[in-house]
């Protein structure tokens, strides 16, 4: 089991690229509370002379028609109506799970050292899962690194 980004799905359901077609499934992260979720956003500089065009692009890219076209590629979708579309769900059952998960999603930590903390835990979990280090040792290392990062940024004394 792992937390998996939907953009990997296109390759995982393609028999030309995957040996696990039909042997896996998505499921929501267990629990009933909020789950941290990454996200994608488009921004435009406040001084841009193309703000109107940027908004037109955002409306186009998040339109139902475009989202329907992006779904087969495993794109990260933003419309519940696309994630729950019966025709798409018949072909891509993971979309319904994404729709359910989206209801519980909220942004990850909103603190300055978030990216640094994410890098540390990603490396530590990778070492543990790959057998590079015993699990307890890898997690102890992550814990120490997190404590140091949080101290350096004023979150711990």
C-alpha atoms as a PDB file:
ATOM      1  CA  UNK A   1       0.000   0.000   0.000  1.00  0.00           C
ATOM      2  CA  UNK A   2       1.187   3.509  -0.730  1.00  0.00           C
ATOM      3  CA  UNK A   3      -0.124   6.984  -1.257  1.00  0.00           C
ATOM      4  CA  UNK A   4      -0.189   7.284  -5.004  1.00  0.00           C
ATOM      5  CA  UNK A   5      -0.606  10.297  -7.228  1.00  0.00           C
ATOM      6  CA  UNK A   6      -3.269   9.962  -9.919  1.00  0.00           C
ATOM      7  CA  UNK A   7      -0.875  10.998 -12.675  1.00  0.00           C
ATOM      8  CA  UNK A   8       0.757   7.565 -12.439  1.00  0.00           C
ATOM      9  CA  UNK A   9      -2.520   5.868 -13.299  1.00  0.00           C
ATOM     10  CA  UNK A  10      -2.330   6.221 -17.083  1.00  0.00           C
ATOM     11  CA  UNK A  11       0.798   4.052 -17.250  1.00  0.00           C
ATOM     12  CA  UNK A  12      -0.473   1.588 -14.637  1.00  0.00           C
ATOM     13  CA  UNK A  13      -3.626   0.789 -16.610  1.00  0.00           C
ATOM     14  CA  UNK A  14      -1.884   0.577 -19.986  1.00  0.00           C
ATOM     15  CA  UNK A  15      -1.069  -3.084 -20.804  1.00  0.00           C
ATOM     16  CA  UNK A  16       1.793  -1.914 -23.047  1.00  0.00           C
ATOM     17  CA  UNK A  17       3.502  -0.251 -20.086  1.00  0.00           C
ATOM     18  CA  UNK A  18       2.356  -2.166 -17.023  1.00  0.00           C
ATOM     19  CA  UNK A  19       2.502  -5.709 -15.716  1.00  0.00           C
ATOM     20  CA  UNK A  20      -0.002  -4.927 -12.958  1.00  0.00           C
ATOM     21  CA  UNK A  21      -3.077  -4.032 -15.023  1.00  0.00           C
ATOM     22  CA  UNK A  22      -6.142  -5.234 -13.132  1.00  0.00           C
ATOM     23  CA  UNK A  23      -4.073  -6.290 -10.101  1.00  0.00           C
ATOM     24  CA  UNK A  24      -4.346  -3.117  -8.065  1.00  0.00           C
ATOM     25  CA  UNK A  25      -6.942  -0.609  -6.919  1.00  0.00           C
ATOM     26  CA  UNK A  26      -7.236   2.777  -5.266  1.00  0.00           C
ATOM     27  CA  UNK A  27      -8.758   3.180  -1.833  1.00  0.00           C
ATOM     28  CA  UNK A  28      -9.191   6.324   0.233  1.00  0.00           C
ATOM     29  CA  UNK A  29      -6.700   6.964   3.009  1.00  0.00           C
ATOM     30  CA  UNK A  30      -8.216   5.283   6.097  1.00  0.00           C
ATOM     31  CA  UNK A  31     -10.002   7.392   8.677  1.00  0.00           C
ATOM     32  CA  UNK A  32     -12.684  10.004   8.793  1.00  0.00           C
ATOM     33  CA  UNK A  33     -10.757  13.226   9.398  1.00  0.00           C
ATOM     34  CA  UNK A  34      -8.982  15.559   7.048  1.00  0.00           C
ATOM     35  CA  UNK A  35      -6.048  14.293   5.024  1.00  0.00           C
ATOM     36  CA  UNK A  36      -3.129  16.380   3.856  1.00  0.00           C
ATOM     37  CA  UNK A  37      -3.190  16.851   0.158  1.00  0.00           C
ATOM     38  CA  UNK A  38      -0.864  18.474  -2.282  1.00  0.00           C
ATOM     39  CA  UNK A  39      -2.272  20.547  -5.005  1.00  0.00           C
ATOM     40  CA  UNK A  40      -1.596  22.428  -8.136  1.00  0.00           C
ATOM     41  CA  UNK A  41      -2.269  26.057  -8.804  1.00  0.00           C
ATOM     42  CA  UNK A  42      -1.741  28.626 -11.465  1.00  0.00           C
ATOM     43  CA  UNK A  43      -0.656  32.056 -10.423  1.00  0.00           C
ATOM     44  CA  UNK A  44      -0.087  35.274 -12.283  1.00  0.00           C
ATOM     45  CA  UNK A  45       2.063  38.143 -11.115  1.00  0.00           C
ATOM     46  CA  UNK A  46      -0.020  41.033  -9.815  1.00  0.00           C
ATOM     47  CA  UNK A  47       1.869  43.369 -12.138  1.00  0.00           C
ATOM     48  CA  UNK A  48       1.262  41.250 -15.228  1.00  0.00           C
ATOM     49  CA  UNK A  49      -0.344  42.934 -18.179  1.00  0.00           C
ATOM     50  CA  UNK A  50      -1.889  39.539 -19.109  1.00  0.00           C
ATOM     51  CA  UNK A  51      -4.094  38.913 -16.065  1.00  0.00           C
ATOM     52  CA  UNK A  52      -7.246  38.588 -18.179  1.00  0.00           C
ATOM     53  CA  UNK A  53      -5.549  36.012 -20.428  1.00  0.00           C
ATOM     54  CA  UNK A  54      -4.297  34.081 -17.389  1.00  0.00           C
ATOM     55  CA  UNK A  55      -7.844  33.865 -16.014  1.00  0.00           C
ATOM     56  CA  UNK A  56      -9.123  32.737 -19.403  1.00  0.00           C
ATOM     57  CA  UNK A  57      -6.515  29.963 -19.407  1.00  0.00           C
ATOM     58  CA  UNK A  58      -7.478  28.887 -15.885  1.00  0.00           C
ATOM     59  CA  UNK A  59     -11.170  28.777 -16.816  1.00  0.00           C
ATOM     60  CA  UNK A  60     -10.361  26.783 -19.944  1.00  0.00           C
ATOM     61  CA  UNK A  61      -8.003  24.325 -18.192  1.00  0.00           C
ATOM     62  CA  UNK A  62     -10.514  23.619 -15.444  1.00  0.00           C
ATOM     63  CA  UNK A  63     -13.547  23.432 -17.727  1.00  0.00           C
ATOM     64  CA  UNK A  64     -15.474  20.168 -17.707  1.00  0.00           C
ATOM     65  CA  UNK A  65     -14.645  19.404 -21.352  1.00  0.00           C
ATOM     66  CA  UNK A  66     -10.901  19.813 -20.847  1.00  0.00           C
ATOM     67  CA  UNK A  67     -10.947  17.901 -17.555  1.00  0.00           C
ATOM     68  CA  UNK A  68     -12.829  15.056 -19.296  1.00  0.00           C
ATOM     69  CA  UNK A  69     -10.100  14.979 -21.957  1.00  0.00           C
ATOM     70  CA  UNK A  70      -7.326  15.000 -19.319  1.00  0.00           C
ATOM     71  CA  UNK A  71      -8.789  12.187 -17.189  1.00  0.00           C
ATOM     72  CA  UNK A  72      -7.527   9.314 -19.407  1.00  0.00           C
ATOM     73  CA  UNK A  73      -3.985  10.691 -19.127  1.00  0.00           C
ATOM     74  CA  UNK A  74      -4.127  10.407 -15.335  1.00  0.00           C
ATOM     75  CA  UNK A  75      -4.104  14.174 -14.872  1.00  0.00           C
ATOM     76  CA  UNK A  76      -4.863  15.650 -11.478  1.00  0.00           C
ATOM     77  CA  UNK A  77      -8.458  16.763 -11.824  1.00  0.00           C
ATOM     78  CA  UNK A  78     -10.255  19.619 -10.136  1.00  0.00           C
ATOM     79  CA  UNK A  79     -13.910  18.977 -10.963  1.00  0.00           C
ATOM     80  CA  UNK A  80     -16.071  16.701  -8.841  1.00  0.00           C
ATOM     81  CA  UNK A  81     -18.428  16.296 -11.788  1.00  0.00           C
ATOM     82  CA  UNK A  82     -15.596  14.721 -13.796  1.00  0.00           C
ATOM     83  CA  UNK A  83     -14.398  12.506 -10.948  1.00  0.00           C
ATOM     84  CA  UNK A  84     -17.933  11.170 -10.498  1.00  0.00           C
ATOM     85  CA  UNK A  85     -18.869  10.880 -14.185  1.00  0.00           C
ATOM     86  CA  UNK A  86     -20.392   7.368 -14.654  1.00  0.00           C
ATOM     87  CA  UNK A  87     -18.801   6.866 -18.093  1.00  0.00           C
ATOM     88  CA  UNK A  88     -15.326   7.767 -16.859  1.00  0.00           C
ATOM     89  CA  UNK A  89     -15.768   5.752 -13.656  1.00  0.00           C
ATOM     90  CA  UNK A  90     -16.577   2.643 -15.678  1.00  0.00           C
ATOM     91  CA  UNK A  91     -13.229   2.939 -17.431  1.00  0.00           C
ATOM     92  CA  UNK A  92     -11.196   4.595 -14.660  1.00  0.00           C
ATOM     93  CA  UNK A  93     -12.605   3.452 -11.285  1.00  0.00           C
ATOM     94  CA  UNK A  94      -9.886   5.289  -9.384  1.00  0.00           C
ATOM     95  CA  UNK A  95     -11.624   8.591 -10.169  1.00  0.00           C
ATOM     96  CA  UNK A  96     -14.453   7.894  -7.715  1.00  0.00           C
ATOM     97  CA  UNK A  97     -11.875   7.328  -4.965  1.00  0.00           C
ATOM     98  CA  UNK A  98     -10.162  10.592  -5.860  1.00  0.00           C
ATOM     99  CA  UNK A  99     -13.513  12.334  -5.616  1.00  0.00           C
ATOM    100  CA  UNK A 100     -14.111  10.863  -2.161  1.00  0.00           C
ATOM    101  CA  UNK A 101     -10.605  11.763  -1.029  1.00  0.00           C
ATOM    102  CA  UNK A 102     -10.989  15.321  -2.319  1.00  0.00           C
ATOM    103  CA  UNK A 103     -13.856  15.862   0.127  1.00  0.00           C
ATOM    104  CA  UNK A 104     -11.445  15.327   3.040  1.00  0.00           C
ATOM    105  CA  UNK A 105      -8.393  17.029   1.560  1.00  0.00           C
ATOM    106  CA  UNK A 106      -6.746  20.074   2.999  1.00  0.00           C
ATOM    107  CA  UNK A 107      -3.366  21.626   2.278  1.00  0.00           C
ATOM    108  CA  UNK A 108      -0.246  20.175   3.894  1.00  0.00           C
ATOM    109  CA  UNK A 109       1.577  22.055   6.633  1.00  0.00           C
ATOM    110  CA  UNK A 110       1.560  25.787   6.156  1.00  0.00           C
ATOM    111  CA  UNK A 111       4.922  26.525   7.737  1.00  0.00           C
ATOM    112  CA  UNK A 112       8.086  27.881   6.165  1.00  0.00           C
ATOM    113  CA  UNK A 113      10.221  24.711   6.469  1.00  0.00           C
ATOM    114  CA  UNK A 114       7.532  22.438   4.973  1.00  0.00           C
ATOM    115  CA  UNK A 115       9.579  21.519   1.883  1.00  0.00           C
ATOM    116  CA  UNK A 116      12.661  20.748   3.946  1.00  0.00           C
ATOM    117  CA  UNK A 117      10.628  18.535   6.302  1.00  0.00           C
ATOM    118  CA  UNK A 118       9.062  16.756   3.336  1.00  0.00           C
ATOM    119  CA  UNK A 119      12.478  16.059   1.797  1.00  0.00           C
ATOM    120  CA  UNK A 120      13.744  14.571   5.062  1.00  0.00           C
ATOM    121  CA  UNK A 121      10.774  12.273   5.627  1.00  0.00           C
ATOM    122  CA  UNK A 122      10.693  11.200   1.983  1.00  0.00           C
ATOM    123  CA  UNK A 123      14.348  10.178   2.126  1.00  0.00           C
ATOM    124  CA  UNK A 124      13.929   8.470   5.507  1.00  0.00           C
ATOM    125  CA  UNK A 125      10.881   6.477   4.437  1.00  0.00           C
ATOM    126  CA  UNK A 126      12.624   5.510   1.221  1.00  0.00           C
ATOM    127  CA  UNK A 127      15.606   4.190   3.174  1.00  0.00           C
ATOM    128  CA  UNK A 128      13.301   2.204   5.460  1.00  0.00           C
ATOM    129  CA  UNK A 129      11.101   0.796   2.694  1.00  0.00           C
ATOM    130  CA  UNK A 130      14.003  -0.140   0.429  1.00  0.00           C
ATOM    131  CA  UNK A 131      15.849  -1.919   3.227  1.00  0.00           C
ATOM    132  CA  UNK A 132      18.688   0.605   3.129  1.00  0.00           C
ATOM    133  CA  UNK A 133      18.264   1.087   6.869  1.00  0.00           C
ATOM    134  CA  UNK A 134      16.276  -0.712   9.533  1.00  0.00           C
ATOM    135  CA  UNK A 135      12.900   1.003  10.002  1.00  0.00           C
ATOM    136  CA  UNK A 136      13.563   2.092  13.582  1.00  0.00           C
ATOM    137  CA  UNK A 137      16.953   3.550  12.619  1.00  0.00           C
ATOM    138  CA  UNK A 138      15.558   5.424   9.614  1.00  0.00           C
ATOM    139  CA  UNK A 139      12.678   6.879  11.636  1.00  0.00           C
ATOM    140  CA  UNK A 140      14.965   7.853  14.513  1.00  0.00           C
ATOM    141  CA  UNK A 141      17.149   9.724  12.013  1.00  0.00           C
ATOM    142  CA  UNK A 142      14.079  11.495  10.542  1.00  0.00           C
ATOM    143  CA  UNK A 143      12.889  12.425  14.030  1.00  0.00           C
ATOM    144  CA  UNK A 144      16.257  13.984  14.865  1.00  0.00           C
ATOM    145  CA  UNK A 145      16.423  15.870  11.576  1.00  0.00           C
ATOM    146  CA  UNK A 146      12.877  17.163  11.997  1.00  0.00           C
ATOM    147  CA  UNK A 147      13.641  18.342  15.532  1.00  0.00           C
ATOM    148  CA  UNK A 148      16.708  20.204  14.278  1.00  0.00           C
ATOM    149  CA  UNK A 149      14.795  21.835  11.388  1.00  0.00           C
ATOM    150  CA  UNK A 150      11.944  22.854  13.688  1.00  0.00           C
ATOM    151  CA  UNK A 151      14.394  24.284  16.252  1.00  0.00           C
ATOM    152  CA  UNK A 152      16.264  26.216  13.573  1.00  0.00           C
ATOM    153  CA  UNK A 153      12.981  27.740  12.418  1.00  0.00           C
ATOM    154  CA  UNK A 154      11.718  28.681  15.881  1.00  0.00           C
ATOM    155  CA  UNK A 155       9.038  25.991  16.261  1.00  0.00           C
ATOM    156  CA  UNK A 156      10.844  24.051  19.015  1.00  0.00           C
ATOM    157  CA  UNK A 157      13.090  25.192  21.859  1.00  0.00           C
END
